[in-house]
N, C-alpha and C. Protein backbone atom coordinates (compact mmCIF):
# COMPACT_ATOMS: atom_id res chain seq x y z
N CYS A 1 3.27 -10.11 -15.04
CA CYS A 1 3.07 -10.44 -13.63
C CYS A 1 2.50 -11.84 -13.48
N ASP A 2 2.83 -12.47 -12.40
CA ASP A 2 2.30 -13.80 -12.12
C ASP A 2 0.88 -13.73 -11.56
N ASN A 3 0.56 -12.66 -10.86
CA ASN A 3 -0.77 -12.50 -10.27
C ASN A 3 -1.54 -11.44 -11.04
N THR A 4 -2.80 -11.70 -11.30
CA THR A 4 -3.58 -10.76 -12.11
C THR A 4 -4.90 -10.36 -11.49
N LYS A 5 -5.17 -10.72 -10.25
CA LYS A 5 -6.42 -10.32 -9.63
C LYS A 5 -6.20 -9.93 -8.17
N PRO A 6 -7.13 -9.17 -7.60
CA PRO A 6 -6.99 -8.71 -6.22
C PRO A 6 -6.88 -9.86 -5.23
N MET A 7 -6.25 -9.58 -4.10
CA MET A 7 -6.05 -10.58 -3.06
C MET A 7 -7.38 -11.10 -2.53
N SER A 8 -8.34 -10.23 -2.29
CA SER A 8 -9.63 -10.69 -1.80
C SER A 8 -10.70 -9.68 -2.19
N VAL A 9 -11.69 -10.15 -2.87
CA VAL A 9 -12.77 -9.30 -3.35
C VAL A 9 -13.72 -8.97 -2.20
N GLY A 10 -14.07 -7.70 -2.06
CA GLY A 10 -15.04 -7.28 -1.06
C GLY A 10 -14.50 -7.08 0.33
N LYS A 11 -13.21 -7.20 0.53
CA LYS A 11 -12.63 -7.00 1.85
C LYS A 11 -12.67 -5.52 2.21
N GLU A 12 -13.07 -5.23 3.43
CA GLU A 12 -13.14 -3.84 3.87
C GLU A 12 -11.96 -3.52 4.77
N LEU A 13 -11.52 -2.27 4.69
CA LEU A 13 -10.45 -1.79 5.55
C LEU A 13 -11.04 -0.78 6.52
N LEU A 14 -11.14 -1.14 7.76
CA LEU A 14 -11.72 -0.25 8.76
C LEU A 14 -10.76 -0.09 9.92
N GLU A 15 -9.64 0.53 9.68
CA GLU A 15 -8.66 0.74 10.73
C GLU A 15 -8.71 2.19 11.16
N GLU A 16 -8.80 2.41 12.45
CA GLU A 16 -8.84 3.76 12.99
C GLU A 16 -7.44 4.35 13.11
N GLU A 17 -6.45 3.50 13.32
CA GLU A 17 -5.10 3.97 13.55
C GLU A 17 -4.18 3.57 12.41
N SER A 18 -3.10 4.32 12.27
CA SER A 18 -2.10 4.00 11.26
C SER A 18 -1.39 2.71 11.62
N SER A 19 -0.99 1.97 10.60
CA SER A 19 -0.21 0.76 10.86
C SER A 19 1.26 1.10 11.12
N ASP A 20 1.64 2.34 10.90
CA ASP A 20 3.01 2.79 11.15
C ASP A 20 3.01 3.68 12.39
N GLN A 21 3.19 3.07 13.54
CA GLN A 21 3.11 3.80 14.80
C GLN A 21 4.24 4.81 14.97
N VAL A 22 5.40 4.56 14.39
CA VAL A 22 6.51 5.52 14.47
C VAL A 22 6.12 6.81 13.75
N ALA A 23 5.59 6.68 12.55
CA ALA A 23 5.16 7.87 11.79
C ALA A 23 4.00 8.56 12.49
N ALA A 24 3.06 7.78 13.02
CA ALA A 24 1.91 8.36 13.71
C ALA A 24 2.35 9.17 14.93
N SER A 25 3.29 8.65 15.68
CA SER A 25 3.75 9.37 16.87
C SER A 25 4.57 10.60 16.48
N ALA A 26 5.23 10.57 15.34
CA ALA A 26 6.03 11.72 14.90
C ALA A 26 5.15 12.92 14.54
N VAL A 27 3.95 12.68 14.04
CA VAL A 27 3.08 13.79 13.65
C VAL A 27 2.01 14.10 14.69
N LYS A 28 1.96 13.33 15.75
CA LYS A 28 0.95 13.55 16.80
C LYS A 28 1.13 14.95 17.39
N GLY A 29 0.03 15.66 17.51
CA GLY A 29 0.06 17.01 18.07
C GLY A 29 0.42 18.08 17.06
N THR A 30 0.57 17.70 15.79
CA THR A 30 0.87 18.68 14.74
C THR A 30 -0.33 18.77 13.80
N ARG A 31 -0.24 19.65 12.83
CA ARG A 31 -1.31 19.77 11.83
C ARG A 31 -1.08 18.83 10.65
N VAL A 32 -0.04 18.04 10.71
CA VAL A 32 0.28 17.10 9.64
C VAL A 32 -0.64 15.89 9.75
N LYS A 33 -1.19 15.45 8.61
CA LYS A 33 -2.05 14.26 8.58
C LYS A 33 -1.33 13.15 7.83
N LEU A 34 -1.46 11.95 8.33
CA LEU A 34 -0.89 10.79 7.64
C LEU A 34 -1.90 10.24 6.64
N LEU A 35 -1.41 9.82 5.51
CA LEU A 35 -2.23 9.11 4.53
C LEU A 35 -1.65 7.71 4.47
N ASP A 36 -2.22 6.80 5.24
CA ASP A 36 -1.69 5.44 5.35
C ASP A 36 -2.19 4.61 4.17
N ILE A 37 -1.27 4.25 3.30
CA ILE A 37 -1.61 3.50 2.08
C ILE A 37 -1.38 2.01 2.23
N THR A 38 -1.00 1.57 3.42
CA THR A 38 -0.66 0.17 3.63
C THR A 38 -1.85 -0.75 3.36
N GLY A 39 -2.98 -0.49 3.99
CA GLY A 39 -4.15 -1.36 3.85
C GLY A 39 -4.63 -1.51 2.42
N PRO A 40 -4.89 -0.39 1.72
CA PRO A 40 -5.33 -0.53 0.32
C PRO A 40 -4.30 -1.23 -0.56
N SER A 41 -3.02 -1.00 -0.29
CA SER A 41 -1.98 -1.65 -1.09
C SER A 41 -1.94 -3.15 -0.85
N GLN A 42 -2.23 -3.57 0.37
CA GLN A 42 -2.20 -4.99 0.68
C GLN A 42 -3.35 -5.75 0.02
N LEU A 43 -4.40 -5.04 -0.38
CA LEU A 43 -5.50 -5.70 -1.07
C LEU A 43 -5.12 -6.12 -2.48
N ARG A 44 -4.07 -5.52 -3.01
CA ARG A 44 -3.61 -5.88 -4.35
C ARG A 44 -2.45 -6.83 -4.22
N ASP A 45 -2.70 -8.12 -4.37
CA ASP A 45 -1.65 -9.13 -4.23
C ASP A 45 -0.49 -8.87 -5.17
N GLU A 46 -0.80 -8.47 -6.40
CA GLU A 46 0.26 -8.23 -7.37
C GLU A 46 1.00 -6.93 -7.10
N GLY A 47 0.52 -6.13 -6.16
CA GLY A 47 1.17 -4.88 -5.83
C GLY A 47 2.18 -4.98 -4.71
N HIS A 48 2.32 -6.12 -4.12
CA HIS A 48 3.28 -6.27 -3.03
C HIS A 48 4.69 -6.25 -3.58
N ILE A 49 5.56 -5.53 -2.90
CA ILE A 49 6.95 -5.52 -3.36
C ILE A 49 7.56 -6.88 -3.05
N SER A 50 8.16 -7.46 -4.04
CA SER A 50 8.60 -8.86 -3.92
C SER A 50 10.03 -8.99 -3.45
N ARG A 51 10.96 -8.80 -4.32
CA ARG A 51 12.35 -9.08 -3.93
C ARG A 51 12.91 -8.05 -2.97
N TYR A 52 12.19 -6.97 -2.71
CA TYR A 52 12.65 -5.96 -1.77
C TYR A 52 12.01 -6.11 -0.40
N SER A 53 11.17 -7.11 -0.21
CA SER A 53 10.51 -7.31 1.08
C SER A 53 11.35 -8.18 2.00
N LEU A 54 10.96 -8.23 3.27
CA LEU A 54 11.70 -9.04 4.24
C LEU A 54 11.55 -10.52 3.96
N THR A 55 10.46 -10.92 3.30
CA THR A 55 10.22 -12.34 3.01
C THR A 55 10.42 -12.64 1.53
N ALA A 56 11.37 -11.97 0.91
CA ALA A 56 11.60 -12.12 -0.53
C ALA A 56 11.92 -13.56 -0.91
N LYS A 57 11.38 -13.97 -2.05
CA LYS A 57 11.62 -15.31 -2.58
C LYS A 57 12.12 -15.18 -4.01
N PRO A 58 13.05 -16.02 -4.42
CA PRO A 58 13.55 -15.95 -5.80
C PRO A 58 12.43 -16.22 -6.81
N GLY A 59 12.50 -15.53 -7.95
CA GLY A 59 11.55 -15.77 -9.02
C GLY A 59 10.24 -15.03 -8.91
N VAL A 60 10.06 -14.20 -7.89
CA VAL A 60 8.81 -13.45 -7.74
C VAL A 60 8.97 -12.11 -8.45
N GLN A 61 7.95 -11.72 -9.20
CA GLN A 61 8.00 -10.47 -9.94
C GLN A 61 7.94 -9.26 -9.00
N ASP A 62 8.59 -8.18 -9.40
CA ASP A 62 8.54 -6.94 -8.65
C ASP A 62 7.60 -5.98 -9.39
N CYS A 63 6.32 -6.29 -9.34
CA CYS A 63 5.34 -5.56 -10.14
C CYS A 63 5.13 -4.13 -9.68
N LEU A 64 5.30 -3.88 -8.40
CA LEU A 64 5.05 -2.53 -7.89
C LEU A 64 5.99 -1.52 -8.54
N HIS A 65 7.24 -1.89 -8.73
CA HIS A 65 8.21 -0.96 -9.26
C HIS A 65 8.27 -0.92 -10.78
N TRP A 66 7.86 -1.98 -11.45
CA TRP A 66 8.12 -2.05 -12.88
C TRP A 66 6.90 -2.13 -13.79
N CYS A 67 5.86 -2.85 -13.44
CA CYS A 67 4.81 -3.07 -14.44
C CYS A 67 3.39 -2.86 -13.92
N LEU A 68 3.22 -2.33 -12.73
CA LEU A 68 1.87 -2.20 -12.20
C LEU A 68 1.52 -0.74 -11.95
N PRO A 69 0.80 -0.10 -12.88
CA PRO A 69 0.44 1.29 -12.65
C PRO A 69 -0.71 1.46 -11.66
N GLY A 70 -1.51 0.45 -11.42
CA GLY A 70 -2.72 0.60 -10.61
C GLY A 70 -2.50 1.03 -9.18
N VAL A 71 -1.54 0.44 -8.49
CA VAL A 71 -1.33 0.76 -7.08
C VAL A 71 -0.80 2.18 -6.90
N PRO A 72 0.29 2.60 -7.58
CA PRO A 72 0.74 3.98 -7.42
C PRO A 72 -0.31 4.99 -7.89
N ASP A 73 -1.07 4.67 -8.93
CA ASP A 73 -2.13 5.57 -9.37
C ASP A 73 -3.18 5.74 -8.29
N THR A 74 -3.50 4.67 -7.58
CA THR A 74 -4.46 4.74 -6.48
C THR A 74 -3.93 5.63 -5.37
N TRP A 75 -2.64 5.52 -5.05
CA TRP A 75 -2.05 6.39 -4.03
C TRP A 75 -2.19 7.86 -4.44
N ASN A 76 -1.93 8.15 -5.72
CA ASN A 76 -2.05 9.52 -6.21
C ASN A 76 -3.48 10.02 -6.11
N GLU A 77 -4.46 9.19 -6.43
CA GLU A 77 -5.86 9.58 -6.33
C GLU A 77 -6.25 9.87 -4.88
N MET A 78 -5.76 9.04 -3.96
CA MET A 78 -6.07 9.26 -2.54
C MET A 78 -5.45 10.56 -2.04
N LEU A 79 -4.22 10.84 -2.45
CA LEU A 79 -3.56 12.08 -2.06
C LEU A 79 -4.29 13.28 -2.65
N PHE A 80 -4.67 13.19 -3.92
CA PHE A 80 -5.39 14.27 -4.58
C PHE A 80 -6.72 14.55 -3.87
N ALA A 81 -7.41 13.51 -3.45
CA ALA A 81 -8.69 13.69 -2.74
C ALA A 81 -8.49 14.39 -1.39
N GLN A 82 -7.36 14.16 -0.74
CA GLN A 82 -7.08 14.80 0.54
C GLN A 82 -6.71 16.27 0.38
N ILE A 83 -6.07 16.59 -0.75
CA ILE A 83 -5.65 17.97 -1.00
C ILE A 83 -6.87 18.80 -1.33
């Protein structure tokens, strides 16, 4: 990977609402809970999907899909804590 450290040390995520309003409105009024992983994932610069994003640039590594276990492992830990 080209990036080896977090995007910003000590940054807090204090969002009350989901960043995906379509998904939030789909489950509104149901017993389904959303686990929004967008904020924590954005704190990991090397975890951003590169060539599959809307702002893809040539030569950027796709660490999320191939060589970065940390971000998906964090998602699994968050899901496990909710269960």
